[in-house]
Full PDB file with SEQRES, HELIX, SHEET, SSBOND, CRYST1, ORIGX, SCALE, CONECT and MASTER records, all heavy atoms in Angstrom:
SEQRES   1 A   33  ARG LEU GLN SER MET ALA VAL THR GLU PRO THR THR GLY          
SEQRES   2 A   33  THR ASP THR THR LYS LEU LYS THR THR ALA VAL LYS LYS          
SEQRES   3 A   33  GLY ASP ARG TYR VAL VAL ASN                                  
HELIX    1 AA1 THR A   16  LYS A   18  5                                   3    
SHEET    1 AA1 2 ALA A  23  LYS A  26  0                                        
SHEET    2 AA1 2 ARG A  29  VAL A  32 -1                                        
CRYST1    1.000    1.000    1.000  90.00  90.00  90.00 P 1           1          
ORIGX1      1.000000  0.000000  0.000000        0.00000                         
ORIGX2      0.000000  1.000000  0.000000        0.00000                         
ORIGX3      0.000000  0.000000  1.000000        0.00000                         
SCALE1      1.000000  0.000000  0.000000        0.00000                         
SCALE2      0.000000  1.000000  0.000000        0.00000                         
SCALE3      0.000000  0.000000  1.000000        0.00000                         
ATOM      1  N   ARG A   1      -9.222 -14.815 -10.436  1.00  0.00           N  
ATOM      2  CA  ARG A   1      -9.987 -13.577 -10.466  1.00  0.00           C  
ATOM      3  C   ARG A   1      -9.141 -12.430  -9.949  1.00  0.00           C  
ATOM      4  O   ARG A   1      -8.493 -12.544  -8.911  1.00  0.00           O  
ATOM      5  CB  ARG A   1     -11.245 -13.689  -9.593  1.00  0.00           C  
ATOM      6  CG  ARG A   1     -12.391 -14.482 -10.204  1.00  0.00           C  
ATOM      7  CD  ARG A   1     -13.579 -14.495  -9.259  1.00  0.00           C  
ATOM      8  NE  ARG A   1     -14.697 -15.282  -9.768  1.00  0.00           N  
ATOM      9  CZ  ARG A   1     -15.747 -15.632  -9.055  1.00  0.00           C  
ATOM     10  NH1 ARG A   1     -15.816 -15.244  -7.771  1.00  0.00           N  
ATOM     11  NH2 ARG A   1     -16.723 -16.338  -9.577  1.00  0.00           N  
ATOM     12  N   LEU A   2      -9.163 -11.322 -10.694  1.00  0.00           N  
ATOM     13  CA  LEU A   2      -8.480 -10.098 -10.272  1.00  0.00           C  
ATOM     14  C   LEU A   2      -9.554  -9.056 -10.001  1.00  0.00           C  
ATOM     15  O   LEU A   2      -9.878  -8.230 -10.852  1.00  0.00           O  
ATOM     16  CB  LEU A   2      -7.519  -9.621 -11.374  1.00  0.00           C  
ATOM     17  CG  LEU A   2      -6.794  -8.292 -11.152  1.00  0.00           C  
ATOM     18  CD1 LEU A   2      -5.976  -8.302  -9.875  1.00  0.00           C  
ATOM     19  CD2 LEU A   2      -5.926  -7.955 -12.352  1.00  0.00           C  
ATOM     20  N   GLN A   3     -10.140  -9.105  -8.804  1.00  0.00           N  
ATOM     21  CA  GLN A   3     -11.300  -8.274  -8.506  1.00  0.00           C  
ATOM     22  C   GLN A   3     -11.018  -7.167  -7.487  1.00  0.00           C  
ATOM     23  O   GLN A   3     -11.896  -6.367  -7.215  1.00  0.00           O  
ATOM     24  CB  GLN A   3     -12.446  -9.158  -7.971  1.00  0.00           C  
ATOM     25  CG  GLN A   3     -13.111 -10.022  -9.016  1.00  0.00           C  
ATOM     26  CD  GLN A   3     -14.124  -9.247  -9.845  1.00  0.00           C  
ATOM     27  OE1 GLN A   3     -14.123  -8.028  -9.876  1.00  0.00           O  
ATOM     28  NE2 GLN A   3     -14.975  -9.963 -10.537  1.00  0.00           N  
ATOM     29  N   SER A   4      -9.824  -7.137  -6.912  1.00  0.00           N  
ATOM     30  CA  SER A   4      -9.573  -6.201  -5.805  1.00  0.00           C  
ATOM     31  C   SER A   4      -8.396  -5.281  -6.087  1.00  0.00           C  
ATOM     32  O   SER A   4      -7.397  -5.704  -6.688  1.00  0.00           O  
ATOM     33  CB  SER A   4      -9.308  -6.975  -4.500  1.00  0.00           C  
ATOM     34  OG  SER A   4     -10.485  -7.580  -4.037  1.00  0.00           O  
ATOM     35  N   MET A   5      -8.535  -4.052  -5.621  1.00  0.00           N  
ATOM     36  CA  MET A   5      -7.453  -3.062  -5.674  1.00  0.00           C  
ATOM     37  C   MET A   5      -7.372  -2.382  -4.319  1.00  0.00           C  
ATOM     38  O   MET A   5      -8.385  -1.879  -3.808  1.00  0.00           O  
ATOM     39  CB  MET A   5      -7.708  -2.024  -6.769  1.00  0.00           C  
ATOM     40  CG  MET A   5      -6.672  -0.903  -6.797  1.00  0.00           C  
ATOM     41  SD  MET A   5      -7.100   0.437  -7.953  1.00  0.00           S  
ATOM     42  CE  MET A   5      -6.756  -0.343  -9.518  1.00  0.00           C  
ATOM     43  N   ALA A   6      -6.193  -2.361  -3.719  1.00  0.00           N  
ATOM     44  CA  ALA A   6      -6.010  -1.776  -2.392  1.00  0.00           C  
ATOM     45  C   ALA A   6      -5.225  -0.475  -2.504  1.00  0.00           C  
ATOM     46  O   ALA A   6      -3.998  -0.475  -2.635  1.00  0.00           O  
ATOM     47  CB  ALA A   6      -5.287  -2.768  -1.474  1.00  0.00           C  
ATOM     48  N   VAL A   7      -5.951   0.629  -2.464  1.00  0.00           N  
ATOM     49  CA  VAL A   7      -5.341   1.961  -2.537  1.00  0.00           C  
ATOM     50  C   VAL A   7      -5.756   2.802  -1.333  1.00  0.00           C  
ATOM     51  O   VAL A   7      -4.920   3.338  -0.607  1.00  0.00           O  
ATOM     52  CB  VAL A   7      -5.735   2.686  -3.850  1.00  0.00           C  
ATOM     53  CG1 VAL A   7      -5.195   4.120  -3.845  1.00  0.00           C  
ATOM     54  CG2 VAL A   7      -5.201   1.931  -5.063  1.00  0.00           C  
ATOM     55  N   THR A   8      -7.048   2.914  -1.070  1.00  0.00           N  
ATOM     56  CA  THR A   8      -7.579   3.823  -0.046  1.00  0.00           C  
ATOM     57  C   THR A   8      -7.170   3.405   1.364  1.00  0.00           C  
ATOM     58  O   THR A   8      -7.149   2.217   1.694  1.00  0.00           O  
ATOM     59  CB  THR A   8      -9.105   3.866  -0.132  1.00  0.00           C  
ATOM     60  OG1 THR A   8      -9.479   4.211  -1.461  1.00  0.00           O  
ATOM     61  CG2 THR A   8      -9.681   4.875   0.840  1.00  0.00           C  
ATOM     62  N   GLU A   9      -6.867   4.404   2.190  1.00  0.00           N  
ATOM     63  CA  GLU A   9      -6.500   4.151   3.585  1.00  0.00           C  
ATOM     64  C   GLU A   9      -7.398   4.966   4.517  1.00  0.00           C  
ATOM     65  O   GLU A   9      -7.923   6.023   4.123  1.00  0.00           O  
ATOM     66  CB  GLU A   9      -5.030   4.495   3.817  1.00  0.00           C  
ATOM     67  CG  GLU A   9      -4.092   3.611   3.002  1.00  0.00           C  
ATOM     68  CD  GLU A   9      -2.626   3.809   3.324  1.00  0.00           C  
ATOM     69  OE1 GLU A   9      -2.299   4.695   4.157  1.00  0.00           O  
ATOM     70  OE2 GLU A   9      -1.806   3.085   2.750  1.00  0.00           O  
ATOM     71  N   PRO A  10      -7.556   4.522   5.754  1.00  0.00           N  
ATOM     72  CA  PRO A  10      -8.499   5.187   6.666  1.00  0.00           C  
ATOM     73  C   PRO A  10      -8.127   6.613   7.025  1.00  0.00           C  
ATOM     74  O   PRO A  10      -9.015   7.428   7.298  1.00  0.00           O  
ATOM     75  CB  PRO A  10      -8.504   4.278   7.902  1.00  0.00           C  
ATOM     76  CG  PRO A  10      -7.253   3.463   7.815  1.00  0.00           C  
ATOM     77  CD  PRO A  10      -6.978   3.307   6.353  1.00  0.00           C  
ATOM     78  N   THR A  11      -6.838   6.953   7.041  1.00  0.00           N  
ATOM     79  CA  THR A  11      -6.438   8.292   7.475  1.00  0.00           C  
ATOM     80  C   THR A  11      -6.132   9.233   6.315  1.00  0.00           C  
ATOM     81  O   THR A  11      -5.986  10.435   6.526  1.00  0.00           O  
ATOM     82  CB  THR A  11      -5.200   8.223   8.387  1.00  0.00           C  
ATOM     83  OG1 THR A  11      -4.126   7.603   7.671  1.00  0.00           O  
ATOM     84  CG2 THR A  11      -5.506   7.426   9.640  1.00  0.00           C  
ATOM     85  N   THR A  12      -6.044   8.710   5.094  1.00  0.00           N  
ATOM     86  CA  THR A  12      -5.694   9.572   3.961  1.00  0.00           C  
ATOM     87  C   THR A  12      -6.791   9.653   2.907  1.00  0.00           C  
ATOM     88  O   THR A  12      -6.841  10.618   2.143  1.00  0.00           O  
ATOM     89  CB  THR A  12      -4.404   9.085   3.284  1.00  0.00           C  
ATOM     90  OG1 THR A  12      -4.557   7.709   2.899  1.00  0.00           O  
ATOM     91  CG2 THR A  12      -3.224   9.214   4.220  1.00  0.00           C  
ATOM     92  N   GLY A  13      -7.678   8.665   2.848  1.00  0.00           N  
ATOM     93  CA  GLY A  13      -8.774   8.708   1.878  1.00  0.00           C  
ATOM     94  C   GLY A  13      -8.273   8.890   0.461  1.00  0.00           C  
ATOM     95  O   GLY A  13      -7.430   8.136  -0.017  1.00  0.00           O  
ATOM     96  N   THR A  14      -8.771   9.933  -0.211  1.00  0.00           N  
ATOM     97  CA  THR A  14      -8.366  10.171  -1.600  1.00  0.00           C  
ATOM     98  C   THR A  14      -7.076  10.988  -1.699  1.00  0.00           C  
ATOM     99  O   THR A  14      -6.648  11.306  -2.813  1.00  0.00           O  
ATOM    100  CB  THR A  14      -9.483  10.912  -2.355  1.00  0.00           C  
ATOM    101  OG1 THR A  14      -9.928  12.018  -1.586  1.00  0.00           O  
ATOM    102  CG2 THR A  14     -10.662   9.977  -2.609  1.00  0.00           C  
ATOM    103  N   ASP A  15      -6.466  11.329  -0.585  1.00  0.00           N  
ATOM    104  CA  ASP A  15      -5.147  11.987  -0.597  1.00  0.00           C  
ATOM    105  C   ASP A  15      -4.092  10.899  -0.768  1.00  0.00           C  
ATOM    106  O   ASP A  15      -3.267  10.637   0.114  1.00  0.00           O  
ATOM    107  CB  ASP A  15      -4.944  12.769   0.705  1.00  0.00           C  
ATOM    108  CG  ASP A  15      -3.770  13.741   0.616  1.00  0.00           C  
ATOM    109  OD1 ASP A  15      -3.128  13.807  -0.457  1.00  0.00           O  
ATOM    110  OD2 ASP A  15      -3.494  14.412   1.621  1.00  0.00           O  
ATOM    111  N   THR A  16      -4.113  10.266  -1.949  1.00  0.00           N  
ATOM    112  CA  THR A  16      -3.389   9.020  -2.189  1.00  0.00           C  
ATOM    113  C   THR A  16      -1.888   9.139  -1.975  1.00  0.00           C  
ATOM    114  O   THR A  16      -1.246   8.213  -1.463  1.00  0.00           O  
ATOM    115  CB  THR A  16      -3.678   8.522  -3.623  1.00  0.00           C  
ATOM    116  OG1 THR A  16      -5.093   8.398  -3.787  1.00  0.00           O  
ATOM    117  CG2 THR A  16      -3.027   7.181  -3.875  1.00  0.00           C  
ATOM    118  N   THR A  17      -1.302  10.261  -2.369  1.00  0.00           N  
ATOM    119  CA  THR A  17       0.153  10.375  -2.294  1.00  0.00           C  
ATOM    120  C   THR A  17       0.676  10.366  -0.857  1.00  0.00           C  
ATOM    121  O   THR A  17       1.870  10.175  -0.639  1.00  0.00           O  
ATOM    122  CB  THR A  17       0.639  11.649  -2.999  1.00  0.00           C  
ATOM    123  OG1 THR A  17       0.000  12.789  -2.396  1.00  0.00           O  
ATOM    124  CG2 THR A  17       0.306  11.595  -4.481  1.00  0.00           C  
ATOM    125  N   LYS A  18      -0.214  10.556   0.113  1.00  0.00           N  
ATOM    126  CA  LYS A  18       0.217  10.541   1.514  1.00  0.00           C  
ATOM    127  C   LYS A  18      -0.105   9.224   2.213  1.00  0.00           C  
ATOM    128  O   LYS A  18      -0.064   9.145   3.438  1.00  0.00           O  
ATOM    129  CB  LYS A  18      -0.423  11.707   2.273  1.00  0.00           C  
ATOM    130  CG  LYS A  18       0.074  13.070   1.809  1.00  0.00           C  
ATOM    131  CD  LYS A  18      -0.550  14.193   2.605  1.00  0.00           C  
ATOM    132  CE  LYS A  18      -0.077  15.557   2.109  1.00  0.00           C  
ATOM    133  NZ  LYS A  18      -0.735  16.664   2.833  1.00  0.00           N  
ATOM    134  N   LEU A  19      -0.425   8.203   1.430  1.00  0.00           N  
ATOM    135  CA  LEU A  19      -0.736   6.913   2.058  1.00  0.00           C  
ATOM    136  C   LEU A  19       0.436   6.423   2.896  1.00  0.00           C  
ATOM    137  O   LEU A  19       1.600   6.745   2.624  1.00  0.00           O  
ATOM    138  CB  LEU A  19      -1.148   5.878   1.007  1.00  0.00           C  
ATOM    139  CG  LEU A  19      -0.178   5.464  -0.106  1.00  0.00           C  
ATOM    140  CD1 LEU A  19       0.854   4.469   0.372  1.00  0.00           C  
ATOM    141  CD2 LEU A  19      -0.961   4.866  -1.273  1.00  0.00           C  
ATOM    142  N   LYS A  20       0.116   5.645   3.932  1.00  0.00           N  
ATOM    143  CA  LYS A  20       1.115   5.256   4.930  1.00  0.00           C  
ATOM    144  C   LYS A  20       1.560   3.799   4.835  1.00  0.00           C  
ATOM    145  O   LYS A  20       2.498   3.394   5.516  1.00  0.00           O  
ATOM    146  CB  LYS A  20       0.567   5.541   6.338  1.00  0.00           C  
ATOM    147  CG  LYS A  20       0.312   7.025   6.609  1.00  0.00           C  
ATOM    148  CD  LYS A  20      -0.242   7.241   8.004  1.00  0.00           C  
ATOM    149  CE  LYS A  20      -0.355   8.721   8.349  1.00  0.00           C  
ATOM    150  NZ  LYS A  20      -1.215   9.468   7.429  1.00  0.00           N  
ATOM    151  N   THR A  21       0.905   3.003   4.015  1.00  0.00           N  
ATOM    152  CA  THR A  21       1.327   1.611   3.853  1.00  0.00           C  
ATOM    153  C   THR A  21       2.674   1.583   3.146  1.00  0.00           C  
ATOM    154  O   THR A  21       2.861   2.221   2.104  1.00  0.00           O  
ATOM    155  CB  THR A  21       0.290   0.818   3.044  1.00  0.00           C  
ATOM    156  OG1 THR A  21      -0.936   0.809   3.768  1.00  0.00           O  
ATOM    157  CG2 THR A  21       0.741  -0.607   2.807  1.00  0.00           C  
ATOM    158  N   THR A  22       3.619   0.859   3.721  1.00  0.00           N  
ATOM    159  CA  THR A  22       4.981   0.819   3.183  1.00  0.00           C  
ATOM    160  C   THR A  22       5.337  -0.572   2.672  1.00  0.00           C  
ATOM    161  O   THR A  22       4.816  -1.580   3.154  1.00  0.00           O  
ATOM    162  CB  THR A  22       6.006   1.229   4.254  1.00  0.00           C  
ATOM    163  OG1 THR A  22       5.918   0.318   5.366  1.00  0.00           O  
ATOM    164  CG2 THR A  22       5.761   2.644   4.736  1.00  0.00           C  
ATOM    165  N   ALA A  23       6.216  -0.596   1.683  1.00  0.00           N  
ATOM    166  CA  ALA A  23       6.784  -1.844   1.166  1.00  0.00           C  
ATOM    167  C   ALA A  23       8.297  -1.658   1.121  1.00  0.00           C  
ATOM    168  O   ALA A  23       8.807  -0.872   0.317  1.00  0.00           O  
ATOM    169  CB  ALA A  23       6.233  -2.167  -0.212  1.00  0.00           C  
ATOM    170  N   VAL A  24       8.998  -2.348   2.008  1.00  0.00           N  
ATOM    171  CA  VAL A  24      10.443  -2.189   2.139  1.00  0.00           C  
ATOM    172  C   VAL A  24      11.148  -3.382   1.498  1.00  0.00           C  
ATOM    173  O   VAL A  24      10.841  -4.534   1.813  1.00  0.00           O  
ATOM    174  CB  VAL A  24      10.840  -2.064   3.627  1.00  0.00           C  
ATOM    175  CG1 VAL A  24      12.350  -1.932   3.764  1.00  0.00           C  
ATOM    176  CG2 VAL A  24      10.135  -0.856   4.270  1.00  0.00           C  
ATOM    177  N   LYS A  25      12.093  -3.097   0.616  1.00  0.00           N  
ATOM    178  CA  LYS A  25      12.815  -4.163  -0.091  1.00  0.00           C  
ATOM    179  C   LYS A  25      13.815  -4.826   0.861  1.00  0.00           C  
ATOM    180  O   LYS A  25      14.648  -4.175   1.487  1.00  0.00           O  
ATOM    181  CB  LYS A  25      13.565  -3.564  -1.296  1.00  0.00           C  
ATOM    182  CG  LYS A  25      14.276  -4.592  -2.170  1.00  0.00           C  
ATOM    183  CD  LYS A  25      13.277  -5.322  -3.044  1.00  0.00           C  
ATOM    184  CE  LYS A  25      13.989  -6.342  -3.935  1.00  0.00           C  
ATOM    185  NZ  LYS A  25      14.872  -5.706  -4.929  1.00  0.00           N  
ATOM    186  N   LYS A  26      13.711  -6.146   0.970  1.00  0.00           N  
ATOM    187  CA  LYS A  26      14.634  -6.936   1.775  1.00  0.00           C  
ATOM    188  C   LYS A  26      15.012  -8.173   0.973  1.00  0.00           C  
ATOM    189  O   LYS A  26      14.221  -9.115   0.868  1.00  0.00           O  
ATOM    190  CB  LYS A  26      14.014  -7.327   3.119  1.00  0.00           C  
ATOM    191  CG  LYS A  26      13.768  -6.140   4.047  1.00  0.00           C  
ATOM    192  CD  LYS A  26      13.276  -6.572   5.425  1.00  0.00           C  
ATOM    193  CE  LYS A  26      13.082  -5.359   6.342  1.00  0.00           C  
ATOM    194  NZ  LYS A  26      12.595  -5.751   7.700  1.00  0.00           N  
ATOM    195  N   GLY A  27      16.200  -8.117   0.383  1.00  0.00           N  
ATOM    196  CA  GLY A  27      16.617  -9.226  -0.462  1.00  0.00           C  
ATOM    197  C   GLY A  27      15.771  -9.300  -1.717  1.00  0.00           C  
ATOM    198  O   GLY A  27      15.635  -8.313  -2.447  1.00  0.00           O  
ATOM    199  N   ASP A  28      15.178 -10.460  -1.959  1.00  0.00           N  
ATOM    200  CA  ASP A  28      14.357 -10.645  -3.152  1.00  0.00           C  
ATOM    201  C   ASP A  28      12.868 -10.493  -2.863  1.00  0.00           C  
ATOM    202  O   ASP A  28      12.030 -10.949  -3.642  1.00  0.00           O  
ATOM    203  CB  ASP A  28      14.633 -12.016  -3.780  1.00  0.00           C  
ATOM    204  CG  ASP A  28      14.269 -13.168  -2.843  1.00  0.00           C  
ATOM    205  OD1 ASP A  28      13.963 -12.904  -1.658  1.00  0.00           O  
ATOM    206  OD2 ASP A  28      14.298 -14.326  -3.296  1.00  0.00           O  
ATOM    207  N   ARG A  29      12.544  -9.827  -1.744  1.00  0.00           N  
ATOM    208  CA  ARG A  29      11.140  -9.671  -1.368  1.00  0.00           C  
ATOM    209  C   ARG A  29      10.889  -8.251  -0.858  1.00  0.00           C  
ATOM    210  O   ARG A  29      11.808  -7.532  -0.466  1.00  0.00           O  
ATOM    211  CB  ARG A  29      10.753 -10.681  -0.276  1.00  0.00           C  
ATOM    212  CG  ARG A  29      11.175 -12.111  -0.597  1.00  0.00           C  
ATOM    213  CD  ARG A  29      10.734 -13.101   0.460  1.00  0.00           C  
ATOM    214  NE  ARG A  29       9.339 -13.501   0.308  1.00  0.00           N  
ATOM    215  CZ  ARG A  29       8.909 -14.333  -0.633  1.00  0.00           C  
ATOM    216  NH1 ARG A  29       9.748 -14.832  -1.521  1.00  0.00           N  
ATOM    217  NH2 ARG A  29       7.634 -14.668  -0.701  1.00  0.00           N  
ATOM    218  N   TYR A  30       9.617  -7.876  -0.887  1.00  0.00           N  
ATOM    219  CA  TYR A  30       9.178  -6.628  -0.275  1.00  0.00           C  
ATOM    220  C   TYR A  30       8.358  -6.983   0.966  1.00  0.00           C  
ATOM    221  O   TYR A  30       7.526  -7.892   0.926  1.00  0.00           O  
ATOM    222  CB  TYR A  30       8.314  -5.815  -1.237  1.00  0.00           C  
ATOM    223  CG  TYR A  30       9.074  -5.151  -2.352  1.00  0.00           C  
ATOM    224  CD1 TYR A  30       9.349  -5.830  -3.533  1.00  0.00           C  
ATOM    225  CD2 TYR A  30       9.532  -3.838  -2.229  1.00  0.00           C  
ATOM    226  CE1 TYR A  30      10.037  -5.226  -4.576  1.00  0.00           C  
ATOM    227  CE2 TYR A  30      10.223  -3.224  -3.261  1.00  0.00           C  
ATOM    228  CZ  TYR A  30      10.478  -3.920  -4.433  1.00  0.00           C  
ATOM    229  OH  TYR A  30      11.175  -3.312  -5.446  1.00  0.00           O  
ATOM    230  N   VAL A  31       8.613  -6.245   2.054  1.00  0.00           N  
ATOM    231  CA  VAL A  31       7.873  -6.473   3.298  1.00  0.00           C  
ATOM    232  C   VAL A  31       6.895  -5.322   3.492  1.00  0.00           C  
ATOM    233  O   VAL A  31       7.295  -4.149   3.560  1.00  0.00           O  
ATOM    234  CB  VAL A  31       8.822  -6.589   4.503  1.00  0.00           C  
ATOM    235  CG1 VAL A  31       8.027  -6.808   5.787  1.00  0.00           C  
ATOM    236  CG2 VAL A  31       9.819  -7.729   4.289  1.00  0.00           C  
ATOM    237  N   VAL A  32       5.601  -5.655   3.569  1.00  0.00           N  
ATOM    238  CA  VAL A  32       4.532  -4.657   3.581  1.00  0.00           C  
ATOM    239  C   VAL A  32       3.941  -4.528   4.975  1.00  0.00           C  
ATOM    240  O   VAL A  32       3.626  -5.531   5.634  1.00  0.00           O  
ATOM    241  CB  VAL A  32       3.417  -5.046   2.579  1.00  0.00           C  
ATOM    242  CG1 VAL A  32       2.303  -3.997   2.592  1.00  0.00           C  
ATOM    243  CG2 VAL A  32       3.991  -5.197   1.177  1.00  0.00           C  
ATOM    244  N   ASN A  33       3.771  -3.268   5.408  1.00  0.00           N  
ATOM    245  CA  ASN A  33       3.098  -2.966   6.665  1.00  0.00           C  
ATOM    246  C   ASN A  33       2.162  -1.781   6.459  1.00  0.00           C  
ATOM    247  O   ASN A  33       2.502  -0.827   5.745  1.00  0.00           O  
ATOM    248  CB  ASN A  33       4.110  -2.624   7.761  1.00  0.00           C  
ATOM    249  CG  ASN A  33       4.822  -3.857   8.292  1.00  0.00           C  
ATOM    250  OD1 ASN A  33       4.289  -4.601   9.102  1.00  0.00           O  
ATOM    251  ND2 ASN A  33       6.048  -4.078   7.808  1.00  0.00           N  
TER     252      ASN A  33                                                      
MASTER        0    0    0    1    2    0    0    6  251    1    0    3          
END                                                                             
């Protein structure tokens, strides 16, 4: 099932381009915080 999409954040709401969740490339993986 593909039922979820994670875009909205508590401090940015619909100001999507300023979201703070990061994905940093490390080798063959991305590390998300």
